[in-house]
Structure formats: C-alpha cells, structure tokens
Amino acid sequence: MKEKIYKEPIKEETETTINVLYHENKLVVYTNKVSLQKQLNKLIGEPTKELKIKRSIAGSIWEISLEEKSKIQRIIVKANIYEL
C-alpha cells in the first residue's frame, strides 16, 4: 500500500464540516485536519474523494448512507471530532 502524504493546513484554516443531505439520504463529512483524516480512514475506510494539491492530500470527503448506522455511530463515538 502506498504511503499517503498529507498537507498540513494553516491552523486558522483548519475545518471539519458534517452535512446531512436528507434528500440524498446521506451524511457528508469533510475535513482538512490531518489527524482526523487518518483517524477516519482507520474507523470507516477510504474517503469518497480526496482533494489534492500536487501529490499531497489537502482534505478528504466521506459520503455515508444514512442507512449505515454503525459507521455513523463510529464517527460520533470514536472519532475525536470535538477534540475532547
């Protein structure tokens, strides 16, 4: 497996968004925080899309069906989204 290279964002530009798209029946998670990207990769698998700058990953997007309750639960319970 090829090692992924992540681009660390400027601290003030770090963001994570979670959107519930009811009409499309999915949860969309976007983050550019490197530690959270790595954690979500381990918890729920590869992202649907990776945003790249040259060869470095600048952000990742996961699209999860609302039917996949176990994945959503892992994100809420185990992922350190809130940095608690």
Protein backbone atom coordinates (compact mmCIF):
# COMPACT_ATOMS: atom_id res chain seq x y z
CA MET A 1 0.00 0.00 0.00
CA LYS A 2 1.32 3.41 -0.97
CA GLU A 3 2.01 5.82 1.89
CA LYS A 4 -0.27 8.86 1.76
CA ILE A 5 1.20 12.33 2.04
CA TYR A 6 -0.97 14.91 3.78
CA LYS A 7 -0.66 18.69 3.56
CA GLU A 8 -0.96 20.31 6.99
CA PRO A 9 -3.36 23.31 6.78
CA ILE A 10 -2.64 26.68 8.36
CA LYS A 11 -4.03 26.48 11.91
CA GLU A 12 -6.60 29.23 11.27
CA GLU A 13 -7.84 27.42 8.15
CA THR A 14 -8.44 24.01 9.76
CA GLU A 15 -12.05 22.94 9.35
CA THR A 16 -14.40 20.00 9.61
CA THR A 17 -17.97 20.05 8.33
CA ILE A 18 -20.68 17.45 8.72
CA ASN A 19 -23.73 17.82 6.49
CA VAL A 20 -26.88 15.73 6.48
CA LEU A 21 -28.35 15.59 2.98
CA TYR A 22 -31.85 14.31 3.66
CA HIS A 23 -32.97 14.35 0.03
CA GLU A 24 -29.97 12.22 -0.98
CA ASN A 25 -30.17 10.12 2.22
CA LYS A 26 -26.52 10.59 3.15
CA LEU A 27 -24.15 12.12 5.65
CA VAL A 28 -21.18 14.02 4.18
CA VAL A 29 -18.08 14.60 6.31
CA TYR A 30 -15.31 16.93 5.10
CA THR A 31 -12.11 17.69 6.96
CA ASN A 32 -8.69 19.10 6.18
CA LYS A 33 -7.32 18.24 9.63
CA VAL A 34 -4.62 15.61 9.07
CA SER A 35 -5.03 13.72 12.36
CA LEU A 36 -8.80 13.43 11.84
CA GLN A 37 -8.35 12.30 8.23
CA LYS A 38 -6.05 9.48 9.37
CA GLN A 39 -8.41 8.54 12.20
CA LEU A 40 -11.47 8.42 9.92
CA ASN A 41 -9.51 6.33 7.40
CA LYS A 42 -8.96 3.72 10.12
CA LEU A 43 -12.51 3.90 11.54
CA ILE A 44 -14.70 3.98 8.43
CA GLY A 45 -12.38 3.32 5.50
CA GLU A 46 -11.13 5.23 2.49
CA PRO A 47 -12.75 8.59 1.69
CA THR A 48 -15.11 9.01 -1.24
CA LYS A 49 -12.94 11.86 -2.53
CA GLU A 50 -9.53 13.27 -1.68
CA LEU A 51 -8.73 16.89 -2.50
CA LYS A 52 -5.09 17.21 -3.55
CA ILE A 53 -2.53 19.93 -4.02
CA LYS A 54 0.09 18.40 -6.30
CA ARG A 55 0.72 15.00 -4.67
CA SER A 56 -0.33 15.95 -1.12
CA ILE A 57 -3.81 15.38 0.27
CA ALA A 58 -5.28 18.72 1.39
CA GLY A 59 -8.68 17.42 2.50
CA SER A 60 -10.92 14.35 2.45
CA ILE A 61 -14.65 13.82 1.93
CA TRP A 62 -16.64 10.82 3.10
CA GLU A 63 -20.19 10.24 1.88
CA ILE A 64 -22.03 7.77 4.08
CA SER A 65 -25.56 6.49 3.54
CA LEU A 66 -27.88 7.24 6.45
CA GLU A 67 -28.65 3.50 6.41
CA GLU A 68 -25.08 2.74 7.56
CA LYS A 69 -25.78 3.44 11.22
CA SER A 70 -22.70 1.60 12.51
CA LYS A 71 -20.35 3.87 10.52
CA ILE A 72 -22.17 6.98 11.68
CA GLN A 73 -22.01 5.76 15.28
CA ARG A 74 -18.25 5.15 14.99
CA ILE A 75 -17.76 8.70 13.72
CA ILE A 76 -19.74 10.22 16.57
CA VAL A 77 -18.46 8.00 19.38
CA LYS A 78 -14.86 7.17 18.45
CA ALA A 79 -13.62 9.95 16.16
CA ASN A 80 -12.12 12.91 18.01
CA ILE A 81 -14.16 15.46 16.04
CA TYR A 82 -14.68 17.73 19.04
CA GLU A 83 -11.11 17.37 20.37
CA LEU A 84 -12.35 16.40 23.83
